[in-house]
Protein backbone atom coordinates (compact mmCIF):
# COMPACT_ATOMS: atom_id res chain seq x y z
CA MET A 1 -31.84 -2.65 3.49
CA THR A 2 -28.28 -3.77 4.26
CA THR A 3 -27.42 -0.58 5.77
CA TYR A 4 -30.65 -0.95 7.96
CA ARG A 5 -29.12 -4.12 9.61
CA LEU A 6 -25.77 -2.63 9.82
CA ASN A 7 -27.03 0.10 11.91
CA ARG A 8 -27.92 -2.53 14.51
CA LEU A 9 -24.46 -3.96 14.64
CA PHE A 10 -22.48 -0.66 15.13
CA HIS A 11 -22.60 1.59 18.23
CA PRO A 12 -24.67 4.96 17.11
CA VAL A 13 -22.25 6.94 18.76
CA SER A 14 -19.03 5.47 18.21
CA ARG A 15 -19.74 3.96 15.12
CA ARG A 16 -17.66 0.85 16.13
CA CYS A 17 -18.78 -2.66 17.09
CA PHE A 18 -17.92 -4.97 19.65
CA ASP A 19 -19.01 -8.67 18.73
CA VAL A 20 -18.60 -11.53 21.34
CA ALA A 21 -18.00 -14.83 19.43
CA ILE A 22 -19.38 -17.97 21.06
CA ASP A 23 -19.67 -19.97 18.21
CA HIS A 24 -16.88 -22.22 18.85
CA GLY A 25 -18.82 -25.54 19.53
CA PHE A 26 -19.47 -25.62 16.00
CA PHE A 27 -15.96 -26.98 15.14
CA ASN A 28 -15.83 -30.09 17.04
CA GLU A 29 -12.68 -29.40 19.21
CA ALA A 30 -13.14 -30.17 22.91
CA ASN A 31 -10.60 -27.88 23.83
CA PHE A 32 -12.78 -24.83 22.37
CA LEU A 33 -15.22 -25.54 25.04
CA GLY A 34 -13.57 -23.87 28.11
CA GLY A 35 -16.04 -21.27 29.52
CA ILE A 36 -18.98 -22.35 27.36
CA GLU A 37 -19.82 -25.65 28.41
CA ASP A 38 -23.15 -24.45 29.97
CA MET A 39 -24.42 -21.93 26.80
CA ASP A 40 -27.44 -20.64 28.73
CA GLU A 41 -25.04 -19.46 31.46
CA ALA A 42 -22.48 -18.30 29.07
CA VAL A 43 -25.13 -16.24 26.72
CA ALA A 44 -26.76 -14.68 29.75
CA ALA A 45 -23.17 -13.48 30.97
CA VAL A 46 -22.21 -11.61 28.09
CA VAL A 47 -25.74 -10.54 27.29
CA ALA A 48 -25.45 -8.67 30.76
CA ALA A 49 -22.46 -6.66 29.73
CA ALA A 50 -24.35 -5.41 26.52
CA PRO A 51 -22.05 -5.90 23.61
CA ASP A 52 -23.16 -4.81 20.38
CA ALA A 53 -23.40 -8.21 19.15
CA VAL A 54 -23.08 -11.86 19.85
CA GLN A 55 -22.01 -14.47 17.25
CA LEU A 56 -23.85 -17.91 17.58
CA THR A 57 -24.59 -20.71 15.37
CA VAL A 58 -28.05 -21.95 14.10
CA GLY A 59 -28.46 -24.39 16.96
CA GLN A 60 -27.50 -21.92 20.17
CA ALA A 61 -29.09 -18.35 18.43
CA ARG A 62 -32.11 -19.09 20.01
CA ARG A 63 -30.68 -18.70 23.45
CA LEU A 64 -29.93 -15.06 22.52
CA GLN A 65 -33.16 -14.45 20.46
CA GLN A 66 -35.61 -16.02 23.11
CA MET A 67 -34.54 -13.43 25.78
CA PRO A 68 -37.15 -10.72 26.11
CA GLY A 69 -36.80 -7.09 25.64
CA ARG A 70 -35.58 -4.66 22.85
CA PHE A 71 -32.06 -3.90 24.14
CA LYS A 72 -30.38 -7.11 23.85
CA PRO A 73 -27.15 -7.56 21.53
CA SER A 74 -27.65 -8.22 17.75
CA LEU A 75 -27.40 -11.66 16.31
CA VAL A 76 -24.39 -12.40 13.97
CA LEU A 77 -24.94 -15.94 12.64
CA ARG A 78 -22.22 -18.16 11.86
CA LEU A 79 -22.73 -19.93 8.50
CA ASP A 80 -20.12 -22.41 8.12
CA VAL A 81 -18.44 -25.22 9.97
CA ALA A 82 -14.97 -26.56 9.15
CA ASN A 83 -12.65 -29.21 10.70
CA VAL A 84 -9.38 -27.17 10.06
CA TYR A 85 -8.48 -26.19 13.69
CA GLY A 86 -6.90 -29.42 15.27
CA ARG A 87 -3.46 -29.95 16.35
CA THR A 88 -3.51 -33.08 14.15
CA LEU A 89 -5.42 -32.39 10.69
CA PRO A 90 -7.69 -35.03 9.45
CA ARG A 91 -7.11 -36.59 5.95
CA LYS A 92 -9.86 -34.78 4.51
CA LEU A 93 -10.49 -30.92 5.32
CA PHE A 94 -13.85 -29.16 4.50
CA SER A 95 -15.53 -25.95 4.89
CA ALA A 96 -19.27 -26.49 4.77
CA MET A 97 -21.99 -24.02 4.66
CA ILE A 98 -25.70 -24.41 6.21
CA GLU A 99 -28.35 -24.71 3.66
CA GLU A 100 -30.70 -22.01 3.17
CA PRO A 101 -28.30 -19.57 5.01
CA VAL A 102 -30.22 -16.08 4.24
CA GLU A 103 -33.42 -17.77 5.07
CA GLN A 104 -32.23 -19.16 8.48
CA ALA A 105 -30.45 -15.73 9.22
CA LEU A 106 -33.86 -13.79 8.34
CA ARG A 107 -35.82 -16.31 10.63
CA LEU A 108 -33.65 -15.74 13.45
CA ASP A 109 -33.63 -12.11 13.46
CA ALA A 110 -30.03 -11.86 12.89
CA ALA A 111 -28.36 -8.28 11.94
CA CYS A 112 -25.31 -10.11 10.06
CA MET A 113 -23.90 -13.44 8.64
CA CYS A 114 -20.36 -14.69 9.01
CA LEU A 115 -18.41 -16.58 6.68
CA ASN A 116 -14.67 -17.95 6.63
CA LEU A 117 -12.47 -17.21 3.86
CA PHE A 118 -9.22 -19.73 4.64
CA GLN A 119 -5.79 -19.56 3.45
CA ILE A 120 -4.06 -22.83 4.68
CA PRO A 121 -0.68 -23.94 3.68
CA ASP A 122 -0.98 -26.92 1.10
CA HIS A 123 -4.61 -27.14 1.17
CA PRO A 124 -5.91 -24.80 -1.52
CA GLU A 125 -9.10 -26.97 -1.95
CA VAL A 126 -10.43 -25.57 1.45
CA GLY A 127 -9.83 -21.82 0.37
CA GLU A 128 -11.73 -22.89 -2.86
CA GLU A 129 -14.78 -24.37 -0.80
CA CYS A 130 -14.82 -20.98 1.24
CA VAL A 131 -14.94 -19.02 -2.14
CA ARG A 132 -17.73 -20.91 -3.38
CA ASN A 133 -19.59 -20.52 -0.33
CA ILE A 134 -19.27 -16.73 -0.43
CA LEU A 135 -20.15 -16.78 -4.24
CA ARG A 136 -23.30 -18.96 -3.28
CA VAL A 137 -24.44 -16.80 -0.50
CA LYS A 138 -23.65 -13.36 -1.93
CA PRO A 139 -26.47 -12.80 -4.23
CA ALA A 140 -29.20 -13.68 -1.72
CA SER A 141 -27.40 -11.63 0.76
CA ALA A 142 -27.71 -8.57 -1.11
CA ARG A 143 -31.26 -9.47 -2.34
CA TYR A 144 -32.59 -9.54 1.25
CA GLY A 145 -30.35 -6.92 2.94
CA MET A 146 -28.68 -9.26 5.10
CA PRO A 147 -24.94 -7.93 5.68
CA LEU A 148 -22.36 -10.51 5.14
CA MET A 149 -19.12 -10.46 7.40
CA ILE A 150 -16.50 -12.32 5.44
CA GLU A 151 -13.60 -13.72 7.97
CA PRO A 152 -10.31 -14.04 6.03
CA LEU A 153 -7.90 -16.36 8.07
CA VAL A 154 -4.45 -16.89 7.01
CA PHE A 155 -3.24 -20.14 8.93
CA ALA A 156 0.64 -20.76 9.95
CA PRO A 157 1.58 -24.15 8.87
CA ASN A 158 0.00 -26.99 10.86
CA GLU A 159 3.36 -28.64 11.57
CA GLN A 160 4.70 -25.45 12.99
CA ALA A 161 1.81 -23.80 15.15
CA GLY A 162 0.00 -27.14 16.09
CA GLY A 163 -3.27 -26.20 15.33
CA TYR A 164 -5.49 -22.91 15.08
CA MET A 165 -2.74 -20.56 14.94
CA VAL A 166 -2.86 -17.53 12.47
CA ASP A 167 -0.03 -16.31 10.50
CA GLY A 168 0.36 -12.57 11.18
CA ASP A 169 2.16 -11.49 7.87
CA GLU A 170 1.20 -8.27 6.78
CA GLN A 171 1.24 -9.09 3.34
CA LYS A 172 -0.79 -12.38 3.47
CA ILE A 173 -3.31 -10.80 5.50
CA VAL A 174 -3.62 -7.71 3.03
CA GLY A 175 -3.94 -9.93 0.11
CA LEU A 176 -6.84 -12.20 1.66
CA VAL A 177 -8.77 -8.97 3.17
CA ARG A 178 -8.89 -7.37 -0.41
CA GLN A 179 -10.12 -10.58 -1.86
CA ALA A 180 -13.06 -10.58 0.69
CA VAL A 181 -13.73 -6.86 -0.39
CA GLU A 182 -13.66 -8.17 -4.01
CA LEU A 183 -16.00 -11.04 -3.12
CA GLY A 184 -18.55 -8.68 -1.82
CA ALA A 185 -18.00 -8.55 2.10
CA ASP A 186 -20.24 -5.94 3.89
CA VAL A 187 -17.96 -6.42 7.00
CA ILE A 188 -14.67 -7.69 7.29
CA LYS A 189 -13.37 -9.80 10.36
CA ALA A 190 -9.60 -10.06 10.30
CA ASP A 191 -6.60 -10.98 12.27
CA PRO A 192 -4.18 -8.57 13.46
CA THR A 193 -1.02 -8.26 11.79
CA ASP A 194 2.33 -9.14 13.87
CA ASP A 195 3.43 -5.75 13.91
CA VAL A 196 0.35 -3.92 14.94
CA SER A 197 1.65 -0.54 14.04
CA ARG A 198 1.15 -1.69 10.29
CA TYR A 199 -2.55 -2.39 10.82
CA HIS A 200 -3.47 0.84 8.98
CA LYS A 201 -2.26 -1.23 5.81
CA VAL A 202 -5.09 -3.55 6.22
CA ILE A 203 -7.64 -0.71 6.73
CA ALA A 204 -6.50 1.02 3.61
CA VAL A 205 -6.81 -1.96 1.41
CA ALA A 206 -10.43 -2.72 2.80
CA GLY A 207 -11.40 0.49 1.51
CA ASP A 208 -14.94 1.73 2.92
CA VAL A 209 -15.61 -2.08 4.06
CA PRO A 210 -15.36 -1.81 7.91
CA VAL A 211 -12.79 -4.00 9.53
CA LEU A 212 -13.36 -5.81 12.89
CA VAL A 213 -10.17 -7.55 14.50
CA ARG A 214 -10.28 -11.05 15.58
CA GLY A 215 -8.93 -11.73 19.18
CA GLY A 216 -7.03 -15.00 18.46
CA GLY A 217 -5.95 -17.28 21.48
CA ARG A 218 -6.19 -16.29 25.03
CA VAL A 219 -3.53 -13.66 26.32
CA SER A 220 -3.20 -11.75 29.58
CA ASP A 221 -5.67 -8.87 30.21
CA ARG A 222 -3.12 -6.21 29.67
CA GLU A 223 -1.98 -7.55 26.46
CA ILE A 224 -5.46 -7.96 25.02
CA LEU A 225 -6.47 -4.36 26.26
CA GLU A 226 -3.21 -2.70 24.88
CA ARG A 227 -3.51 -4.33 21.67
CA THR A 228 -7.14 -3.29 21.32
CA ARG A 229 -6.29 0.15 21.90
CA ALA A 230 -3.69 0.18 19.19
CA LEU A 231 -5.52 -1.68 16.73
CA LEU A 232 -8.28 1.25 16.88
CA ALA A 233 -5.86 3.98 16.82
CA GLN A 234 -4.73 2.11 13.30
CA GLY A 235 -8.55 2.70 12.07
CA ALA A 236 -10.22 -0.49 13.20
CA SER A 237 -14.10 -0.25 13.26
CA GLY A 238 -14.20 -2.57 16.29
CA ILE A 239 -13.29 -6.28 17.62
CA VAL A 240 -14.65 -9.60 17.40
CA TYR A 241 -13.35 -11.32 20.32
CA GLY A 242 -14.08 -14.84 21.81
CA ARG A 243 -11.64 -16.89 24.00
CA ASN A 244 -10.37 -13.72 25.68
CA ILE A 245 -13.86 -13.25 26.84
CA ILE A 246 -15.38 -16.38 27.36
CA GLN A 247 -12.44 -18.22 29.09
CA HIS A 248 -11.94 -15.26 31.27
CA ALA A 249 -12.58 -15.67 34.95
CA ARG A 250 -14.88 -12.69 34.80
CA PRO A 251 -16.30 -12.49 31.31
CA ALA A 252 -19.09 -9.87 31.98
CA ALA A 253 -16.05 -7.51 33.69
CA MET A 254 -13.75 -8.01 30.59
CA THR A 255 -16.48 -7.33 28.08
CA LYS A 256 -17.24 -4.17 30.27
CA ALA A 257 -13.55 -3.13 30.01
CA LEU A 258 -13.40 -3.68 26.29
CA MET A 259 -16.39 -1.82 25.67
CA GLY A 260 -15.06 1.13 27.56
CA ILE A 261 -11.90 1.09 25.21
CA VAL A 262 -14.00 0.28 22.04
CA HIS A 263 -16.69 3.15 22.57
CA GLU A 264 -15.58 5.41 25.41
CA GLY A 265 -11.84 5.66 24.45
CA LEU A 266 -10.77 4.36 28.08
CA GLY A 267 -7.23 4.29 28.73
CA VAL A 268 -5.65 0.73 29.52
CA GLU A 269 -5.29 1.59 32.99
CA GLN A 270 -8.75 2.61 33.57
CA ALA A 271 -9.97 -0.60 31.63
CA LEU A 272 -7.94 -2.83 33.65
CA ALA A 273 -9.86 -1.39 37.09
CA LEU A 274 -12.92 -2.29 35.50
CA VAL A 275 -11.83 -6.14 35.27
CA GLY A 276 -10.37 -6.05 38.36
CA GLY A 277 -6.88 -6.54 37.28
């Protein structure tokens, strides 16, 4: 049954996935809300561009699923909420999972669920919470055929990076991605390495588990398009981008440009023409 739902997530021809993440409001960071203050408008704009999936929370999934018709993007349901993204970290960090996660995903007709696997300098207890969340949800995920996407995130030291900044060290990413596979991930959502030409190492350690690459912070149109092409050439099975879509002046156009690269093999200049850049 897991395969049945994964077939809704991945494009039938390219066998790749473009998932647009619009779950940023879950984390209580006001600066994450740029472009998604009006969720109906944000979801409608992204759906109109027809990505393969949209990543939403339990409180916002209805904005996608109440839309009529058979051809809307699949739902990826975010299962966990954390307080680890601020420039100043609170005294106690946590990563908490929603209750009855698989049942809620089934009721919302999700195609996949998403859970974090954090590695935060000097805060191993948060990584332990993530592992426990995954261990709790995996048996029911397998029992009911609800795919589990695990999101390994290696954080840079907060005092150096000042907030939600990841460490692109190849060896750290490879180790955490492999742990996600060992924990039973059906899909991996991982950061790019600092040296994109080395990303095949991440793909190799994931084995037969497809790897979707996170977009990270907002960058120029050319940079995100060039990076996307390079990562796909290294063997990535798709992308999960959020701020580079929702904070763009033309989110639907950027979505179409990235879809062209992911599914049609467009070049960067062709894709930029679609954005209008």
